[in-house]
Protein backbone atom coordinates (compact mmCIF):
# COMPACT_ATOMS: atom_id res chain seq x y z
CA UNK A 1 0.00 0.00 0.00
CA UNK A 2 1.22 3.48 -0.86
CA UNK A 3 2.11 5.54 2.20
CA UNK A 4 0.03 8.48 0.97
CA UNK A 5 -3.13 6.64 2.06
CA UNK A 6 -1.94 6.69 5.67
CA UNK A 7 -3.49 10.14 6.35
CA UNK A 8 -6.90 9.06 5.07
CA UNK A 9 -6.68 5.86 7.10
CA UNK A 10 -5.59 7.79 10.21
CA UNK A 11 -8.55 10.15 9.71
CA UNK A 12 -10.91 7.18 9.65
CA UNK A 13 -9.23 5.57 12.67
CA UNK A 14 -9.36 8.87 14.60
CA UNK A 15 -13.09 9.21 13.98
CA UNK A 16 -13.76 5.59 14.92
CA UNK A 17 -11.80 5.92 18.17
CA UNK A 18 -13.76 9.03 19.14
CA UNK A 19 -17.07 7.34 18.30
CA UNK A 20 -16.15 4.19 20.26
CA UNK A 21 -15.22 6.27 23.31
CA UNK A 22 -18.51 8.18 23.05
CA UNK A 23 -20.46 4.94 22.64
CA UNK A 24 -18.89 3.32 25.70
CA UNK A 25 -19.35 6.47 27.78
CA UNK A 26 -23.11 6.04 27.14
CA UNK A 27 -23.43 9.19 25.04
CA UNK A 28 -26.18 9.19 22.47
CA UNK A 29 -24.72 8.80 18.99
CA UNK A 30 -26.88 10.48 16.39
CA UNK A 31 -26.19 10.40 12.68
CA UNK A 32 -25.31 14.10 12.91
CA UNK A 33 -22.68 13.39 15.61
CA UNK A 34 -21.18 10.62 13.49
CA UNK A 35 -20.97 12.87 10.41
CA UNK A 36 -19.54 15.73 12.51
CA UNK A 37 -16.93 13.41 14.04
CA UNK A 38 -15.77 12.10 10.66
CA UNK A 39 -15.69 15.62 9.20
CA UNK A 40 -13.65 16.97 12.11
CA UNK A 41 -11.28 14.00 12.06
CA UNK A 42 -10.68 14.39 8.33
CA UNK A 43 -10.14 18.13 8.71
CA UNK A 44 -7.65 17.80 11.57
CA UNK A 45 -5.81 14.62 10.53
CA UNK A 46 -6.30 14.11 6.80
CA UNK A 47 -6.02 17.82 5.95
CA UNK A 48 -4.13 19.31 8.90
CA UNK A 49 -1.45 16.77 9.69
CA UNK A 50 -1.02 15.53 6.12
CA UNK A 51 -0.54 19.10 4.88
CA UNK A 52 2.08 19.73 7.56
CA UNK A 53 3.76 16.50 6.48
CA UNK A 54 3.71 17.73 2.85
CA UNK A 55 5.19 21.05 3.98
CA UNK A 56 8.04 19.17 5.68
CA UNK A 57 8.59 17.05 2.57
CA UNK A 58 8.64 19.98 0.15
CA UNK A 59 10.86 22.04 2.49
CA UNK A 60 13.35 19.70 4.13
CA UNK A 61 13.34 16.78 1.67
CA UNK A 62 12.79 18.83 -1.47
CA UNK A 63 15.05 16.79 -3.76
CA UNK A 64 13.46 13.46 -2.80
CA UNK A 65 9.95 14.90 -3.00
CA UNK A 66 10.60 16.44 -6.42
CA UNK A 67 11.96 13.13 -7.66
CA UNK A 68 8.91 11.27 -6.34
CA UNK A 69 6.60 13.67 -8.20
CA UNK A 70 8.71 13.56 -11.35
CA UNK A 71 9.78 17.20 -11.11
CA UNK A 72 13.22 18.65 -11.60
CA UNK A 73 14.66 19.51 -8.17
CA UNK A 74 15.34 23.10 -7.23
CA UNK A 75 12.20 24.71 -8.65
CA UNK A 76 11.07 27.72 -6.62
CA UNK A 77 7.50 26.51 -7.16
CA UNK A 78 8.19 23.67 -4.77
CA UNK A 79 8.70 26.13 -1.92
CA UNK A 80 5.45 27.86 -2.87
CA UNK A 81 3.66 24.50 -2.70
CA UNK A 82 5.32 23.92 0.69
CA UNK A 83 3.87 27.15 2.09
CA UNK A 84 0.42 26.44 0.63
CA UNK A 85 0.56 23.09 2.43
CA UNK A 86 1.66 24.83 5.63
CA UNK A 87 -1.34 27.16 5.38
CA UNK A 88 -3.80 24.29 4.94
CA UNK A 89 -2.08 22.31 7.68
CA UNK A 90 -2.61 25.16 10.12
CA UNK A 91 -6.22 25.66 8.98
CA UNK A 92 -6.97 21.94 9.31
CA UNK A 93 -5.60 21.75 12.84
CA UNK A 94 -7.37 24.98 13.86
CA UNK A 95 -10.64 23.26 12.88
CA UNK A 96 -10.37 21.41 16.19
CA UNK A 97 -10.91 24.67 18.10
CA UNK A 98 -12.69 26.89 15.57
CA UNK A 99 -15.93 25.43 14.24
CA UNK A 100 -18.90 26.08 11.98
CA UNK A 101 -18.17 28.46 9.07
CA UNK A 102 -14.42 28.06 9.63
CA UNK A 103 -14.91 24.41 8.64
CA UNK A 104 -16.75 25.53 5.51
CA UNK A 105 -13.97 27.93 4.54
CA UNK A 106 -11.30 25.27 5.17
CA UNK A 107 -13.17 22.67 3.09
CA UNK A 108 -13.63 25.14 0.23
CA UNK A 109 -9.99 26.25 0.26
CA UNK A 110 -8.39 22.82 0.55
CA UNK A 111 -10.81 21.37 -2.03
CA UNK A 112 -9.89 24.03 -4.58
CA UNK A 113 -6.21 23.43 -3.84
CA UNK A 114 -6.41 19.62 -4.11
CA UNK A 115 -8.68 19.54 -7.16
CA UNK A 116 -6.38 22.10 -8.78
CA UNK A 117 -3.47 19.78 -7.97
CA UNK A 118 -5.35 16.93 -9.65
CA UNK A 119 -5.86 18.99 -12.79
CA UNK A 120 -2.16 19.90 -12.85
CA UNK A 121 -1.08 16.29 -12.29
CA UNK A 122 -3.31 15.04 -15.11
CA UNK A 123 -2.16 17.86 -17.41
CA UNK A 124 1.47 17.09 -16.58
CA UNK A 125 0.88 13.41 -17.33
CA UNK A 126 -0.49 14.20 -20.80
CA UNK A 127 1.87 17.04 -21.70
CA UNK A 128 5.16 15.53 -20.51
CA UNK A 129 4.37 11.83 -20.05
CA UNK A 130 5.10 12.12 -16.32
CA UNK A 131 3.81 8.87 -14.84
CA UNK A 132 5.80 9.16 -11.60
CA UNK A 133 3.94 7.74 -8.58
CA UNK A 134 3.84 11.18 -6.95
CA UNK A 135 2.22 12.64 -10.04
CA UNK A 136 -0.44 10.13 -11.11
CA UNK A 137 -0.45 7.48 -8.38
CA UNK A 138 -2.05 7.61 -4.97
CA UNK A 139 -1.51 11.36 -4.75
CA UNK A 140 -3.79 11.93 -7.73
CA UNK A 141 -6.47 9.63 -6.30
CA UNK A 142 -6.37 11.45 -2.96
CA UNK A 143 -6.37 14.88 -4.64
CA UNK A 144 -9.82 13.93 -5.96
CA UNK A 145 -11.13 11.64 -3.20
CA UNK A 146 -10.39 13.86 -0.17
CA UNK A 147 -12.27 16.94 -1.50
CA UNK A 148 -15.23 14.75 -2.46
CA UNK A 149 -15.30 13.25 1.05
CA UNK A 150 -14.95 16.64 2.74
CA UNK A 151 -17.60 18.30 0.58
CA UNK A 152 -19.99 15.36 1.03
CA UNK A 153 -19.55 15.31 4.81
CA UNK A 154 -19.87 19.10 5.07
CA UNK A 155 -23.06 19.14 2.99
CA UNK A 156 -24.51 16.28 5.06
CA UNK A 157 -23.57 18.02 8.32
CA UNK A 158 -25.09 21.36 7.22
CA UNK A 159 -28.25 19.57 6.07
CA UNK A 160 -28.57 17.78 9.42
CA UNK A 161 -27.93 21.04 11.27
CA UNK A 162 -30.63 22.82 9.28
CA UNK A 163 -33.04 19.93 9.90
CA UNK A 164 -32.44 20.20 13.66
CA UNK A 165 -33.05 23.97 13.55
CA UNK A 166 -36.29 23.52 11.57
CA UNK A 167 -37.41 20.84 14.02
CA UNK A 168 -36.69 23.10 17.01
CA UNK A 169 -38.62 25.99 15.40
CA UNK A 170 -41.63 23.75 14.74
CA UNK A 171 -41.51 22.48 18.31
CA UNK A 172 -41.40 26.03 19.60
CA UNK A 173 -44.28 27.09 17.37
CA UNK A 174 -46.39 24.17 18.65
CA UNK A 175 -45.74 25.19 22.24
CA UNK A 176 -46.96 28.76 21.64
């Protein structure tokens, strides 16, 4: 298995551990709580920690990382990618403390970044024949899969939140 999947797997494991702890502490697990837990775990681990890891790779192991992607080492663009990853790493980790619309902004930003990466990787594959594992392997799959997961979970969470608000309003109206 390619090591790039580790961050997605750790995000899933993190969510499952939190849900198991909540289950055994006799807390009520609603579908909304499950969705929220997976979304938060993916934001903190799969986006936050993996982006910090990518920053470290592009900064301190730039030659190896460039080689893995099929790039020529020494490009100043690699340092720009490193700082973009640092920014999303910080945003992902801050999602633990800052909630609601901050999550939405983080999902939008990282999704644009990752889907843009996917477009660039595919374009590079066709224009230069770059079939390096870091260009069209697991990285490409995750550049598409992670935004789809984040967007899907965020939409589900917002829908469930809105449903709870509508239900509370109806309950309040009935009591008046």
